[in-house]
Full PDB file with SEQRES, HELIX, SHEET, SSBOND, CRYST1, ORIGX, SCALE, CONECT and MASTER records, all heavy atoms in Angstrom:
SEQRES   1 A   30  ASP ARG LEU ARG ALA ALA GLY ILE PRO VAL TRP VAL THR          
SEQRES   2 A   30  VAL ILE GLU SER VAL ASP GLU ALA LEU ALA SER LEU ARG          
SEQRES   3 A   30  ARG LEU PHE GLY                                              
HELIX    1 AA1 ARG A    2  ALA A    5  1                                   4    
HELIX    2 AA2 VAL A   18  PHE A   29  1                                  12    
CRYST1    1.000    1.000    1.000  90.00  90.00  90.00 P 1           1          
ORIGX1      1.000000  0.000000  0.000000        0.00000                         
ORIGX2      0.000000  1.000000  0.000000        0.00000                         
ORIGX3      0.000000  0.000000  1.000000        0.00000                         
SCALE1      1.000000  0.000000  0.000000        0.00000                         
SCALE2      0.000000  1.000000  0.000000        0.00000                         
SCALE3      0.000000  0.000000  1.000000        0.00000                         
ATOM      1  N   ASP A   1     110.172 102.611  82.309  1.00  0.00           N  
ATOM      2  CA  ASP A   1     111.387 102.666  83.134  1.00  0.00           C  
ATOM      3  C   ASP A   1     111.146 103.435  84.429  1.00  0.00           C  
ATOM      4  O   ASP A   1     111.626 103.030  85.504  1.00  0.00           O  
ATOM      5  CB  ASP A   1     112.519 103.319  82.348  1.00  0.00           C  
ATOM      6  CG  ASP A   1     113.046 102.442  81.215  1.00  0.00           C  
ATOM      7  OD1 ASP A   1     112.747 101.227  81.218  1.00  0.00           O  
ATOM      8  OD2 ASP A   1     113.757 102.968  80.332  1.00  0.00           O  
ATOM      9  N   ARG A   2     110.405 104.517  84.351  1.00  0.00           N  
ATOM     10  CA  ARG A   2     110.181 105.317  85.561  1.00  0.00           C  
ATOM     11  C   ARG A   2     109.244 104.624  86.534  1.00  0.00           C  
ATOM     12  O   ARG A   2     109.403 104.739  87.754  1.00  0.00           O  
ATOM     13  CB  ARG A   2     109.647 106.698  85.167  1.00  0.00           C  
ATOM     14  CG  ARG A   2     110.736 107.573  84.534  1.00  0.00           C  
ATOM     15  CD  ARG A   2     110.237 108.949  84.160  1.00  0.00           C  
ATOM     16  NE  ARG A   2     111.337 109.793  83.705  1.00  0.00           N  
ATOM     17  CZ  ARG A   2     111.196 111.018  83.208  1.00  0.00           C  
ATOM     18  NH1 ARG A   2     109.974 111.546  83.101  1.00  0.00           N  
ATOM     19  NH2 ARG A   2     112.239 111.717  82.814  1.00  0.00           N  
ATOM     20  N   LEU A   3     108.275 103.894  86.027  1.00  0.00           N  
ATOM     21  CA  LEU A   3     107.414 103.115  86.915  1.00  0.00           C  
ATOM     22  C   LEU A   3     108.215 102.029  87.616  1.00  0.00           C  
ATOM     23  O   LEU A   3     108.071 101.805  88.829  1.00  0.00           O  
ATOM     24  CB  LEU A   3     106.258 102.507  86.125  1.00  0.00           C  
ATOM     25  CG  LEU A   3     105.170 103.483  85.674  1.00  0.00           C  
ATOM     26  CD1 LEU A   3     104.236 102.807  84.670  1.00  0.00           C  
ATOM     27  CD2 LEU A   3     104.375 103.994  86.873  1.00  0.00           C  
ATOM     28  N   ARG A   4     109.075 101.372  86.858  1.00  0.00           N  
ATOM     29  CA  ARG A   4     109.915 100.336  87.475  1.00  0.00           C  
ATOM     30  C   ARG A   4     110.863 100.943  88.502  1.00  0.00           C  
ATOM     31  O   ARG A   4     111.098 100.359  89.566  1.00  0.00           O  
ATOM     32  CB  ARG A   4     110.691  99.589  86.393  1.00  0.00           C  
ATOM     33  CG  ARG A   4     109.816  98.621  85.594  1.00  0.00           C  
ATOM     34  CD  ARG A   4     110.561  98.014  84.422  1.00  0.00           C  
ATOM     35  NE  ARG A   4     109.776  96.952  83.785  1.00  0.00           N  
ATOM     36  CZ  ARG A   4     109.969  96.497  82.561  1.00  0.00           C  
ATOM     37  NH1 ARG A   4     110.947  97.037  81.818  1.00  0.00           N  
ATOM     38  NH2 ARG A   4     109.212  95.537  82.070  1.00  0.00           N  
ATOM     39  N   ALA A   5     111.398 102.123  88.201  1.00  0.00           N  
ATOM     40  CA  ALA A   5     112.291 102.796  89.154  1.00  0.00           C  
ATOM     41  C   ALA A   5     111.563 103.136  90.446  1.00  0.00           C  
ATOM     42  O   ALA A   5     112.180 103.225  91.514  1.00  0.00           O  
ATOM     43  CB  ALA A   5     112.878 104.051  88.523  1.00  0.00           C  
ATOM     44  N   ALA A   6     110.236 103.320  90.351  1.00  0.00           N  
ATOM     45  CA  ALA A   6     109.431 103.612  91.542  1.00  0.00           C  
ATOM     46  C   ALA A   6     109.032 102.347  92.287  1.00  0.00           C  
ATOM     47  O   ALA A   6     108.289 102.407  93.268  1.00  0.00           O  
ATOM     48  CB  ALA A   6     108.185 104.393  91.140  1.00  0.00           C  
ATOM     49  N   GLY A   7     109.527 101.199  91.814  1.00  0.00           N  
ATOM     50  CA  GLY A   7     109.260  99.941  92.496  1.00  0.00           C  
ATOM     51  C   GLY A   7     107.998  99.230  92.044  1.00  0.00           C  
ATOM     52  O   GLY A   7     107.551  98.289  92.716  1.00  0.00           O  
ATOM     53  N   ILE A   8     107.424  99.647  90.911  1.00  0.00           N  
ATOM     54  CA  ILE A   8     106.188  99.028  90.419  1.00  0.00           C  
ATOM     55  C   ILE A   8     106.530  98.041  89.309  1.00  0.00           C  
ATOM     56  O   ILE A   8     107.125  98.423  88.298  1.00  0.00           O  
ATOM     57  CB  ILE A   8     105.221 100.094  89.881  1.00  0.00           C  
ATOM     58  CG1 ILE A   8     104.844 101.085  90.994  1.00  0.00           C  
ATOM     59  CG2 ILE A   8     103.969  99.445  89.299  1.00  0.00           C  
ATOM     60  CD1 ILE A   8     104.024 102.250  90.510  1.00  0.00           C  
ATOM     61  N   PRO A   9     106.178  96.775  89.441  1.00  0.00           N  
ATOM     62  CA  PRO A   9     106.427  95.817  88.363  1.00  0.00           C  
ATOM     63  C   PRO A   9     105.605  96.173  87.119  1.00  0.00           C  
ATOM     64  O   PRO A   9     104.430  96.526  87.225  1.00  0.00           O  
ATOM     65  CB  PRO A   9     105.967  94.479  88.951  1.00  0.00           C  
ATOM     66  CG  PRO A   9     105.929  94.683  90.428  1.00  0.00           C  
ATOM     67  CD  PRO A   9     105.583  96.127  90.631  1.00  0.00           C  
ATOM     68  N   VAL A  10     106.248  96.098  85.954  1.00  0.00           N  
ATOM     69  CA  VAL A  10     105.566  96.387  84.689  1.00  0.00           C  
ATOM     70  C   VAL A  10     105.755  95.196  83.753  1.00  0.00           C  
ATOM     71  O   VAL A  10     106.887  94.742  83.536  1.00  0.00           O  
ATOM     72  CB  VAL A  10     106.103  97.669  84.020  1.00  0.00           C  
ATOM     73  CG1 VAL A  10     105.326  97.951  82.737  1.00  0.00           C  
ATOM     74  CG2 VAL A  10     106.011  98.859  84.968  1.00  0.00           C  
ATOM     75  N   TRP A  11     104.659  94.720  83.212  1.00  0.00           N  
ATOM     76  CA  TRP A  11     104.682  93.614  82.245  1.00  0.00           C  
ATOM     77  C   TRP A  11     104.440  94.198  80.859  1.00  0.00           C  
ATOM     78  O   TRP A  11     103.376  94.741  80.586  1.00  0.00           O  
ATOM     79  CB  TRP A  11     103.596  92.597  82.589  1.00  0.00           C  
ATOM     80  CG  TRP A  11     103.618  91.372  81.720  1.00  0.00           C  
ATOM     81  CD1 TRP A  11     102.920  91.154  80.567  1.00  0.00           C  
ATOM     82  CD2 TRP A  11     104.382  90.184  81.952  1.00  0.00           C  
ATOM     83  NE1 TRP A  11     103.206  89.916  80.057  1.00  0.00           N  
ATOM     84  CE2 TRP A  11     104.088  89.295  80.887  1.00  0.00           C  
ATOM     85  CE3 TRP A  11     105.278  89.792  82.945  1.00  0.00           C  
ATOM     86  CZ2 TRP A  11     104.667  88.036  80.793  1.00  0.00           C  
ATOM     87  CZ3 TRP A  11     105.851  88.531  82.845  1.00  0.00           C  
ATOM     88  CH2 TRP A  11     105.546  87.668  81.788  1.00  0.00           C  
ATOM     89  N   VAL A  12     105.446  94.126  79.984  1.00  0.00           N  
ATOM     90  CA  VAL A  12     105.343  94.707  78.647  1.00  0.00           C  
ATOM     91  C   VAL A  12     105.035  93.604  77.641  1.00  0.00           C  
ATOM     92  O   VAL A  12     105.767  92.610  77.554  1.00  0.00           O  
ATOM     93  CB  VAL A  12     106.640  95.435  78.250  1.00  0.00           C  
ATOM     94  CG1 VAL A  12     106.506  96.028  76.843  1.00  0.00           C  
ATOM     95  CG2 VAL A  12     106.956  96.549  79.255  1.00  0.00           C  
ATOM     96  N   THR A  13     103.979  93.801  76.873  1.00  0.00           N  
ATOM     97  CA  THR A  13     103.617  92.853  75.832  1.00  0.00           C  
ATOM     98  C   THR A  13     104.170  93.313  74.491  1.00  0.00           C  
ATOM     99  O   THR A  13     104.375  94.512  74.260  1.00  0.00           O  
ATOM    100  CB  THR A  13     102.086  92.706  75.728  1.00  0.00           C  
ATOM    101  OG1 THR A  13     101.509  93.988  75.428  1.00  0.00           O  
ATOM    102  CG2 THR A  13     101.505  92.187  77.031  1.00  0.00           C  
ATOM    103  N   VAL A  14     104.404  92.369  73.607  1.00  0.00           N  
ATOM    104  CA  VAL A  14     104.814  92.655  72.227  1.00  0.00           C  
ATOM    105  C   VAL A  14     103.883  91.862  71.331  1.00  0.00           C  
ATOM    106  O   VAL A  14     103.888  90.626  71.351  1.00  0.00           O  
ATOM    107  CB  VAL A  14     106.281  92.248  71.967  1.00  0.00           C  
ATOM    108  CG1 VAL A  14     106.640  92.496  70.502  1.00  0.00           C  
ATOM    109  CG2 VAL A  14     107.217  93.001  72.893  1.00  0.00           C  
ATOM    110  N   ILE A  15     103.088  92.566  70.535  1.00  0.00           N  
ATOM    111  CA  ILE A  15     102.061  91.905  69.736  1.00  0.00           C  
ATOM    112  C   ILE A  15     102.075  92.482  68.327  1.00  0.00           C  
ATOM    113  O   ILE A  15     101.633  93.604  68.105  1.00  0.00           O  
ATOM    114  CB  ILE A  15     100.673  92.062  70.388  1.00  0.00           C  
ATOM    115  CG1 ILE A  15     100.658  91.331  71.738  1.00  0.00           C  
ATOM    116  CG2 ILE A  15      99.585  91.524  69.468  1.00  0.00           C  
ATOM    117  CD1 ILE A  15      99.393  91.535  72.540  1.00  0.00           C  
ATOM    118  N   GLU A  16     102.605  91.700  67.384  1.00  0.00           N  
ATOM    119  CA  GLU A  16     102.679  92.135  65.993  1.00  0.00           C  
ATOM    120  C   GLU A  16     101.998  91.147  65.055  1.00  0.00           C  
ATOM    121  O   GLU A  16     102.128  91.271  63.837  1.00  0.00           O  
ATOM    122  CB  GLU A  16     104.138  92.351  65.585  1.00  0.00           C  
ATOM    123  CG  GLU A  16     104.819  93.467  66.373  1.00  0.00           C  
ATOM    124  CD  GLU A  16     106.257  93.717  65.949  1.00  0.00           C  
ATOM    125  OE1 GLU A  16     106.754  92.964  65.073  1.00  0.00           O  
ATOM    126  OE2 GLU A  16     106.879  94.652  66.478  1.00  0.00           O  
ATOM    127  N   SER A  17     101.293  90.169  65.616  1.00  0.00           N  
ATOM    128  CA  SER A  17     100.569  89.204  64.794  1.00  0.00           C  
ATOM    129  C   SER A  17      99.485  88.571  65.655  1.00  0.00           C  
ATOM    130  O   SER A  17      99.489  88.699  66.890  1.00  0.00           O  
ATOM    131  CB  SER A  17     101.506  88.107  64.269  1.00  0.00           C  
ATOM    132  OG  SER A  17     101.946  87.285  65.343  1.00  0.00           O  
ATOM    133  N   VAL A  18      98.566  87.893  65.027  1.00  0.00           N  
ATOM    134  CA  VAL A  18      97.511  87.207  65.764  1.00  0.00           C  
ATOM    135  C   VAL A  18      98.109  86.123  66.661  1.00  0.00           C  
ATOM    136  O   VAL A  18      97.724  85.983  67.828  1.00  0.00           O  
ATOM    137  CB  VAL A  18      96.473  86.608  64.791  1.00  0.00           C  
ATOM    138  CG1 VAL A  18      95.479  85.724  65.544  1.00  0.00           C  
ATOM    139  CG2 VAL A  18      95.736  87.715  64.049  1.00  0.00           C  
ATOM    140  N   ASP A  19      99.073  85.363  66.130  1.00  0.00           N  
ATOM    141  CA  ASP A  19      99.690  84.314  66.946  1.00  0.00           C  
ATOM    142  C   ASP A  19     100.399  84.892  68.170  1.00  0.00           C  
ATOM    143  O   ASP A  19     100.338  84.329  69.265  1.00  0.00           O  
ATOM    144  CB  ASP A  19     100.675  83.495  66.112  1.00  0.00           C  
ATOM    145  CG  ASP A  19      99.967  82.509  65.184  1.00  0.00           C  
ATOM    146  OD1 ASP A  19      98.771  82.245  65.404  1.00  0.00           O  
ATOM    147  OD2 ASP A  19     100.612  82.015  64.239  1.00  0.00           O  
ATOM    148  N   GLU A  20     101.081  86.025  67.994  1.00  0.00           N  
ATOM    149  CA  GLU A  20     101.733  86.666  69.137  1.00  0.00           C  
ATOM    150  C   GLU A  20     100.704  87.139  70.149  1.00  0.00           C  
ATOM    151  O   GLU A  20     100.929  87.050  71.364  1.00  0.00           O  
ATOM    152  CB  GLU A  20     102.600  87.836  68.676  1.00  0.00           C  
ATOM    153  CG  GLU A  20     103.920  87.420  68.065  1.00  0.00           C  
ATOM    154  CD  GLU A  20     104.843  88.592  67.792  1.00  0.00           C  
ATOM    155  OE1 GLU A  20     104.412  89.759  67.933  1.00  0.00           O  
ATOM    156  OE2 GLU A  20     106.010  88.340  67.436  1.00  0.00           O  
ATOM    157  N   ALA A  21      99.572  87.641  69.670  1.00  0.00           N  
ATOM    158  CA  ALA A  21      98.514  88.073  70.584  1.00  0.00           C  
ATOM    159  C   ALA A  21      98.010  86.896  71.409  1.00  0.00           C  
ATOM    160  O   ALA A  21      97.874  86.987  72.642  1.00  0.00           O  
ATOM    161  CB  ALA A  21      97.366  88.701  69.808  1.00  0.00           C  
ATOM    162  N   LEU A  22      97.730  85.785  70.759  1.00  0.00           N  
ATOM    163  CA  LEU A  22      97.224  84.609  71.464  1.00  0.00           C  
ATOM    164  C   LEU A  22      98.225  84.111  72.491  1.00  0.00           C  
ATOM    165  O   LEU A  22      97.869  83.823  73.641  1.00  0.00           O  
ATOM    166  CB  LEU A  22      96.895  83.508  70.456  1.00  0.00           C  
ATOM    167  CG  LEU A  22      95.793  83.824  69.432  1.00  0.00           C  
ATOM    168  CD1 LEU A  22      95.704  82.718  68.395  1.00  0.00           C  
ATOM    169  CD2 LEU A  22      94.457  84.029  70.121  1.00  0.00           C  
ATOM    170  N   ALA A  23      99.503  84.024  72.089  1.00  0.00           N  
ATOM    171  CA  ALA A  23     100.525  83.520  73.005  1.00  0.00           C  
ATOM    172  C   ALA A  23     100.740  84.480  74.168  1.00  0.00           C  
ATOM    173  O   ALA A  23     100.871  84.054  75.336  1.00  0.00           O  
ATOM    174  CB  ALA A  23     101.834  83.301  72.248  1.00  0.00           C  
ATOM    175  N   SER A  24     100.783  85.778  73.888  1.00  0.00           N  
ATOM    176  CA  SER A  24     101.015  86.768  74.934  1.00  0.00           C  
ATOM    177  C   SER A  24      99.873  86.778  75.949  1.00  0.00           C  
ATOM    178  O   SER A  24     100.095  86.827  77.164  1.00  0.00           O  
ATOM    179  CB  SER A  24     101.187  88.156  74.309  1.00  0.00           C  
ATOM    180  OG  SER A  24     101.456  89.126  75.298  1.00  0.00           O  
ATOM    181  N   LEU A  25      98.649  86.706  75.468  1.00  0.00           N  
ATOM    182  CA  LEU A  25      97.498  86.723  76.359  1.00  0.00           C  
ATOM    183  C   LEU A  25      97.399  85.443  77.172  1.00  0.00           C  
ATOM    184  O   LEU A  25      96.998  85.466  78.340  1.00  0.00           O  
ATOM    185  CB  LEU A  25      96.230  86.961  75.550  1.00  0.00           C  
ATOM    186  CG  LEU A  25      96.108  88.378  74.972  1.00  0.00           C  
ATOM    187  CD1 LEU A  25      95.038  88.431  73.887  1.00  0.00           C  
ATOM    188  CD2 LEU A  25      95.804  89.385  76.064  1.00  0.00           C  
ATOM    189  N   ARG A  26      97.763  84.321  76.579  1.00  0.00           N  
ATOM    190  CA  ARG A  26      97.782  83.074  77.355  1.00  0.00           C  
ATOM    191  C   ARG A  26      98.771  83.170  78.511  1.00  0.00           C  
ATOM    192  O   ARG A  26      98.495  82.721  79.630  1.00  0.00           O  
ATOM    193  CB  ARG A  26      98.153  81.896  76.447  1.00  0.00           C  
ATOM    194  CG  ARG A  26      97.057  81.442  75.510  1.00  0.00           C  
ATOM    195  CD  ARG A  26      97.410  80.121  74.842  1.00  0.00           C  
ATOM    196  NE  ARG A  26      96.414  79.756  73.838  1.00  0.00           N  
ATOM    197  CZ  ARG A  26      96.590  79.803  72.538  1.00  0.00           C  
ATOM    198  NH1 ARG A  26      97.765  80.195  72.044  1.00  0.00           N  
ATOM    199  NH2 ARG A  26      95.638  79.457  71.705  1.00  0.00           N  
ATOM    200  N   ARG A  27      99.918  83.754  78.257  1.00  0.00           N  
ATOM    201  CA  ARG A  27     100.914  83.909  79.333  1.00  0.00           C  
ATOM    202  C   ARG A  27     100.427  84.864  80.403  1.00  0.00           C  
ATOM    203  O   ARG A  27     100.567  84.612  81.597  1.00  0.00           O  
ATOM    204  CB  ARG A  27     102.234  84.412  78.754  1.00  0.00           C  
ATOM    205  CG  ARG A  27     103.057  83.347  78.083  1.00  0.00           C  
ATOM    206  CD  ARG A  27     104.540  83.507  78.365  1.00  0.00           C  
ATOM    207  NE  ARG A  27     105.051  84.820  78.056  1.00  0.00           N  
ATOM    208  CZ  ARG A  27     106.084  85.382  78.681  1.00  0.00           C  
ATOM    209  NH1 ARG A  27     106.671  84.765  79.688  1.00  0.00           N  
ATOM    210  NH2 ARG A  27     106.528  86.575  78.319  1.00  0.00           N  
ATOM    211  N   LEU A  28      99.845  85.990  79.965  1.00  0.00           N  
ATOM    212  CA  LEU A  28      99.397  86.991  80.924  1.00  0.00           C  
ATOM    213  C   LEU A  28      98.321  86.422  81.845  1.00  0.00           C  
ATOM    214  O   LEU A  28      98.417  86.546  83.080  1.00  0.00           O  
ATOM    215  CB  LEU A  28      98.856  88.219  80.190  1.00  0.00           C  
ATOM    216  CG  LEU A  28      98.278  89.325  81.075  1.00  0.00           C  
ATOM    217  CD1 LEU A  28      99.336  89.884  82.022  1.00  0.00           C  
ATOM    218  CD2 LEU A  28      97.683  90.445  80.223  1.00  0.00           C  
ATOM    219  N   PHE A  29      97.321  85.775  81.261  1.00  0.00           N  
ATOM    220  CA  PHE A  29      96.215  85.289  82.087  1.00  0.00           C  
ATOM    221  C   PHE A  29      96.521  83.951  82.748  1.00  0.00           C  
ATOM    222  O   PHE A  29      96.197  83.751  83.922  1.00  0.00           O  
ATOM    223  CB  PHE A  29      94.937  85.190  81.252  1.00  0.00           C  
ATOM    224  CG  PHE A  29      94.326  86.531  80.963  1.00  0.00           C  
ATOM    225  CD1 PHE A  29      94.527  87.153  79.749  1.00  0.00           C  
ATOM    226  CD2 PHE A  29      93.580  87.181  81.930  1.00  0.00           C  
ATOM    227  CE1 PHE A  29      93.990  88.408  79.487  1.00  0.00           C  
ATOM    228  CE2 PHE A  29      93.032  88.436  81.681  1.00  0.00           C  
ATOM    229  CZ  PHE A  29      93.236  89.053  80.464  1.00  0.00           C  
ATOM    230  N   GLY A  30      97.157  83.055  81.998  1.00  0.00           N  
ATOM    231  CA  GLY A  30      97.392  81.730  82.556  1.00  0.00           C  
ATOM    232  C   GLY A  30      98.535  81.669  83.536  1.00  0.00           C  
ATOM    233  O   GLY A  30      98.433  81.040  84.595  1.00  0.00           O  
TER     234      GLY A  30                                                      
MASTER        0    0    0    2    0    0    0    6  233    1    0    3          
END                                                                             
């Protein structure tokens, strides 16, 4: 929250399974 308040975009990942990891990383990189 404080980084965002300083005007810095923050991308938060949520990874609680292998499938979530694969999907999250595909979005981040792709």
